[in-house]
Amino acid sequence: MYTHEAVEICPHCMFEHYEKDWNPNKGYRVTCMNCEESILLCDECSHAEDNQERFCDWERETCKCFRDLKVCYNKDNKRR
């Protein structure tokens, strides 16, 4: 699997956060280097191989999306 530097603007502090050597196996939710709030790598998600439709269901109220739901369930479809 390839790796590259992922960049996203933190919506909490507007800092340009970067993840060196990021790959999809690391997940799309990271912690901002500046304010330490949880953020999503939305640009990486919109270009991901498993998201060819560029689907986005991020909810402002919960700050979650379908990527968060995938993490909450294990392979048996049971909550962790």
N, C-alpha and C. Protein backbone atom coordinates (compact mmCIF):
# COMPACT_ATOMS: atom_id res chain seq x y z
N MET A 1 0.84 -1.18 0.00
CA MET A 1 0.00 0.00 0.00
C MET A 1 0.88 1.25 0.00
N TYR A 2 0.46 2.21 -0.76
CA TYR A 2 1.22 3.45 -0.85
C TYR A 2 1.02 4.31 0.41
N THR A 3 1.94 5.21 0.64
CA THR A 3 1.79 6.21 1.70
C THR A 3 2.12 7.58 1.11
N HIS A 4 1.55 8.60 1.69
CA HIS A 4 1.84 9.97 1.27
C HIS A 4 1.48 10.91 2.40
N GLU A 5 1.78 12.17 2.22
CA GLU A 5 1.45 13.16 3.23
C GLU A 5 0.01 13.63 3.00
N ALA A 6 -0.83 13.46 4.03
CA ALA A 6 -2.21 13.92 3.97
C ALA A 6 -2.31 15.26 4.69
N VAL A 7 -3.03 16.19 4.09
CA VAL A 7 -3.17 17.53 4.65
C VAL A 7 -4.65 17.86 4.78
N GLU A 8 -5.02 18.44 5.91
CA GLU A 8 -6.41 18.86 6.14
C GLU A 8 -6.40 20.09 7.05
N ILE A 9 -7.28 21.03 6.79
CA ILE A 9 -7.43 22.20 7.65
C ILE A 9 -8.30 21.79 8.84
N CYS A 10 -7.82 22.04 10.03
CA CYS A 10 -8.58 21.71 11.24
C CYS A 10 -9.75 22.69 11.36
N PRO A 11 -10.99 22.18 11.46
CA PRO A 11 -12.14 23.08 11.58
C PRO A 11 -12.22 23.77 12.94
N HIS A 12 -11.46 23.30 13.91
CA HIS A 12 -11.50 23.86 15.25
C HIS A 12 -10.56 25.06 15.40
N CYS A 13 -9.35 24.98 14.83
CA CYS A 13 -8.35 26.04 15.01
C CYS A 13 -7.81 26.61 13.69
N MET A 14 -8.26 26.04 12.57
CA MET A 14 -7.85 26.48 11.23
C MET A 14 -6.37 26.24 10.94
N PHE A 15 -5.74 25.36 11.69
CA PHE A 15 -4.35 24.98 11.48
C PHE A 15 -4.27 24.01 10.31
N GLU A 16 -3.24 24.12 9.51
CA GLU A 16 -3.03 23.17 8.41
C GLU A 16 -2.34 21.94 8.98
N HIS A 17 -3.13 20.94 9.27
CA HIS A 17 -2.62 19.70 9.87
C HIS A 17 -2.11 18.78 8.77
N TYR A 18 -1.02 18.08 9.03
CA TYR A 18 -0.54 17.10 8.06
C TYR A 18 -0.18 15.80 8.77
N GLU A 19 -0.37 14.72 8.04
CA GLU A 19 -0.02 13.37 8.50
C GLU A 19 1.05 12.85 7.56
N LYS A 20 2.26 12.72 8.05
CA LYS A 20 3.35 12.20 7.23
C LYS A 20 3.18 10.69 7.07
N ASP A 21 3.44 10.19 5.89
CA ASP A 21 3.35 8.75 5.59
C ASP A 21 1.99 8.16 5.94
N TRP A 22 0.92 8.87 5.59
CA TRP A 22 -0.43 8.39 5.84
C TRP A 22 -0.83 7.36 4.80
N ASN A 23 -1.62 6.38 5.21
CA ASN A 23 -2.26 5.46 4.27
C ASN A 23 -3.63 5.11 4.85
N PRO A 24 -4.56 4.62 4.04
CA PRO A 24 -5.92 4.36 4.50
C PRO A 24 -6.01 3.40 5.69
N ASN A 25 -5.05 2.52 5.85
CA ASN A 25 -5.09 1.59 6.99
C ASN A 25 -4.95 2.31 8.33
N LYS A 26 -4.43 3.52 8.32
CA LYS A 26 -4.28 4.31 9.55
C LYS A 26 -5.61 4.93 9.97
N GLY A 27 -6.58 4.95 9.08
CA GLY A 27 -7.88 5.53 9.38
C GLY A 27 -7.97 6.99 8.95
N TYR A 28 -9.18 7.48 8.92
CA TYR A 28 -9.45 8.83 8.43
C TYR A 28 -9.67 9.83 9.56
N ARG A 29 -9.69 9.39 10.79
CA ARG A 29 -9.84 10.30 11.94
C ARG A 29 -8.47 10.42 12.60
N VAL A 30 -8.03 11.65 12.78
CA VAL A 30 -6.72 11.94 13.37
C VAL A 30 -6.87 13.03 14.42
N THR A 31 -5.81 13.31 15.13
CA THR A 31 -5.80 14.38 16.13
C THR A 31 -4.99 15.55 15.58
N CYS A 32 -5.56 16.73 15.64
CA CYS A 32 -4.89 17.93 15.15
C CYS A 32 -3.57 18.14 15.90
N MET A 33 -2.53 18.44 15.15
CA MET A 33 -1.21 18.68 15.73
C MET A 33 -1.17 19.95 16.58
N ASN A 34 -2.07 20.87 16.31
CA ASN A 34 -2.05 22.17 16.99
C ASN A 34 -2.96 22.19 18.22
N CYS A 35 -4.25 21.88 18.04
CA CYS A 35 -5.20 22.01 19.15
C CYS A 35 -5.58 20.68 19.79
N GLU A 36 -5.15 19.58 19.19
CA GLU A 36 -5.38 18.22 19.69
C GLU A 36 -6.84 17.80 19.67
N GLU A 37 -7.65 18.46 18.85
CA GLU A 37 -9.04 18.04 18.64
C GLU A 37 -9.07 16.95 17.58
N SER A 38 -10.08 16.12 17.61
CA SER A 38 -10.27 15.07 16.63
C SER A 38 -10.78 15.67 15.32
N ILE A 39 -10.15 15.31 14.21
CA ILE A 39 -10.58 15.79 12.89
C ILE A 39 -10.60 14.63 11.91
N LEU A 40 -11.31 14.83 10.81
CA LEU A 40 -11.39 13.84 9.74
C LEU A 40 -10.56 14.29 8.55
N LEU A 41 -9.96 13.33 7.88
CA LEU A 41 -9.22 13.61 6.64
C LEU A 41 -10.21 13.49 5.48
N CYS A 42 -11.07 14.49 5.36
CA CYS A 42 -12.16 14.46 4.39
C CYS A 42 -11.67 14.41 2.94
N ASP A 43 -10.61 15.14 2.65
CA ASP A 43 -10.11 15.13 1.28
C ASP A 43 -9.61 13.73 0.90
N GLU A 44 -8.94 13.07 1.82
CA GLU A 44 -8.47 11.71 1.55
C GLU A 44 -9.66 10.77 1.34
N CYS A 45 -10.70 10.94 2.14
CA CYS A 45 -11.90 10.11 2.02
C CYS A 45 -12.55 10.30 0.66
N SER A 46 -12.65 11.55 0.22
CA SER A 46 -13.33 11.82 -1.06
C SER A 46 -12.56 11.28 -2.26
N HIS A 47 -11.29 10.94 -2.07
CA HIS A 47 -10.49 10.36 -3.16
C HIS A 47 -10.13 8.90 -2.91
N ALA A 48 -10.74 8.29 -1.91
CA ALA A 48 -10.42 6.91 -1.53
C ALA A 48 -10.97 5.91 -2.54
N GLU A 49 -10.24 4.81 -2.70
CA GLU A 49 -10.67 3.75 -3.62
C GLU A 49 -12.01 3.16 -3.22
N ASP A 50 -12.30 3.10 -1.91
CA ASP A 50 -13.56 2.52 -1.46
C ASP A 50 -14.69 3.55 -1.38
N ASN A 51 -14.48 4.73 -1.96
CA ASN A 51 -15.50 5.77 -1.98
C ASN A 51 -15.55 6.42 -3.36
N GLN A 52 -15.73 5.61 -4.37
CA GLN A 52 -15.69 6.10 -5.75
C GLN A 52 -16.82 7.07 -6.06
N GLU A 53 -17.93 7.00 -5.31
CA GLU A 53 -19.05 7.92 -5.53
C GLU A 53 -18.82 9.25 -4.82
N ARG A 54 -17.71 9.35 -4.07
CA ARG A 54 -17.40 10.54 -3.27
C ARG A 54 -18.52 10.84 -2.28
N PHE A 55 -19.04 9.76 -1.69
CA PHE A 55 -20.12 9.84 -0.72
C PHE A 55 -19.66 10.53 0.55
N CYS A 56 -20.46 11.44 1.07
CA CYS A 56 -20.17 12.11 2.33
C CYS A 56 -21.47 12.28 3.11
N ASP A 57 -21.50 11.76 4.32
CA ASP A 57 -22.68 11.92 5.17
C ASP A 57 -22.30 12.54 6.52
N TRP A 58 -21.25 13.34 6.52
CA TRP A 58 -20.80 13.97 7.76
C TRP A 58 -21.93 14.79 8.34
N GLU A 59 -22.13 14.64 9.67
CA GLU A 59 -23.19 15.36 10.37
C GLU A 59 -22.59 16.40 11.30
N ARG A 60 -22.99 17.61 11.13
CA ARG A 60 -22.47 18.71 11.94
C ARG A 60 -22.78 18.51 13.43
N GLU A 61 -23.97 18.00 13.75
CA GLU A 61 -24.37 17.84 15.14
C GLU A 61 -23.50 16.81 15.88
N THR A 62 -23.19 15.72 15.23
CA THR A 62 -22.42 14.65 15.87
C THR A 62 -20.95 14.66 15.50
N CYS A 63 -20.60 15.38 14.44
CA CYS A 63 -19.23 15.41 13.89
C CYS A 63 -18.77 14.01 13.51
N LYS A 64 -19.68 13.20 13.00
CA LYS A 64 -19.36 11.83 12.59
C LYS A 64 -19.83 11.57 11.18
N CYS A 65 -19.25 10.54 10.58
CA CYS A 65 -19.64 10.12 9.24
C CYS A 65 -19.57 8.59 9.14
N PHE A 66 -19.79 8.07 7.95
CA PHE A 66 -19.79 6.63 7.78
C PHE A 66 -18.45 5.99 8.13
N ARG A 67 -17.36 6.71 8.04
CA ARG A 67 -16.05 6.17 8.43
C ARG A 67 -16.03 5.87 9.93
N ASP A 68 -16.66 6.72 10.73
CA ASP A 68 -16.72 6.48 12.17
C ASP A 68 -17.55 5.24 12.47
N LEU A 69 -18.62 5.04 11.73
CA LEU A 69 -19.46 3.86 11.95
C LEU A 69 -18.71 2.58 11.63
N LYS A 70 -17.87 2.60 10.61
CA LYS A 70 -17.07 1.42 10.27
C LYS A 70 -16.15 1.04 11.41
N VAL A 71 -15.61 2.01 12.10
CA VAL A 71 -14.69 1.75 13.22
C VAL A 71 -15.45 1.18 14.41
N CYS A 72 -16.71 1.57 14.57
CA CYS A 72 -17.50 1.13 15.72
C CYS A 72 -17.94 -0.33 15.64
N TYR A 73 -17.88 -0.92 14.47
CA TYR A 73 -18.34 -2.29 14.30
C TYR A 73 -17.19 -3.20 13.90
N ASN A 74 -17.14 -4.38 14.48
CA ASN A 74 -16.10 -5.33 14.08
C ASN A 74 -16.61 -6.18 12.93
N LYS A 75 -15.83 -7.17 12.53
CA LYS A 75 -16.18 -7.97 11.35
C LYS A 75 -17.46 -8.77 11.53
N ASP A 76 -17.90 -9.02 12.77
CA ASP A 76 -19.15 -9.74 13.02
C ASP A 76 -20.35 -8.81 13.08
N ASN A 77 -20.16 -7.55 12.77
CA ASN A 77 -21.21 -6.54 12.76
C ASN A 77 -21.76 -6.28 14.16
N LYS A 78 -20.93 -6.45 15.16
CA LYS A 78 -21.32 -6.17 16.53
C LYS A 78 -20.52 -4.97 17.03
N ARG A 79 -21.17 -4.16 17.86
CA ARG A 79 -20.47 -3.00 18.39
C ARG A 79 -19.32 -3.43 19.27
N ARG A 80 -18.22 -2.70 19.19
CA ARG A 80 -17.08 -2.96 20.05
C ARG A 80 -17.28 -2.34 21.40
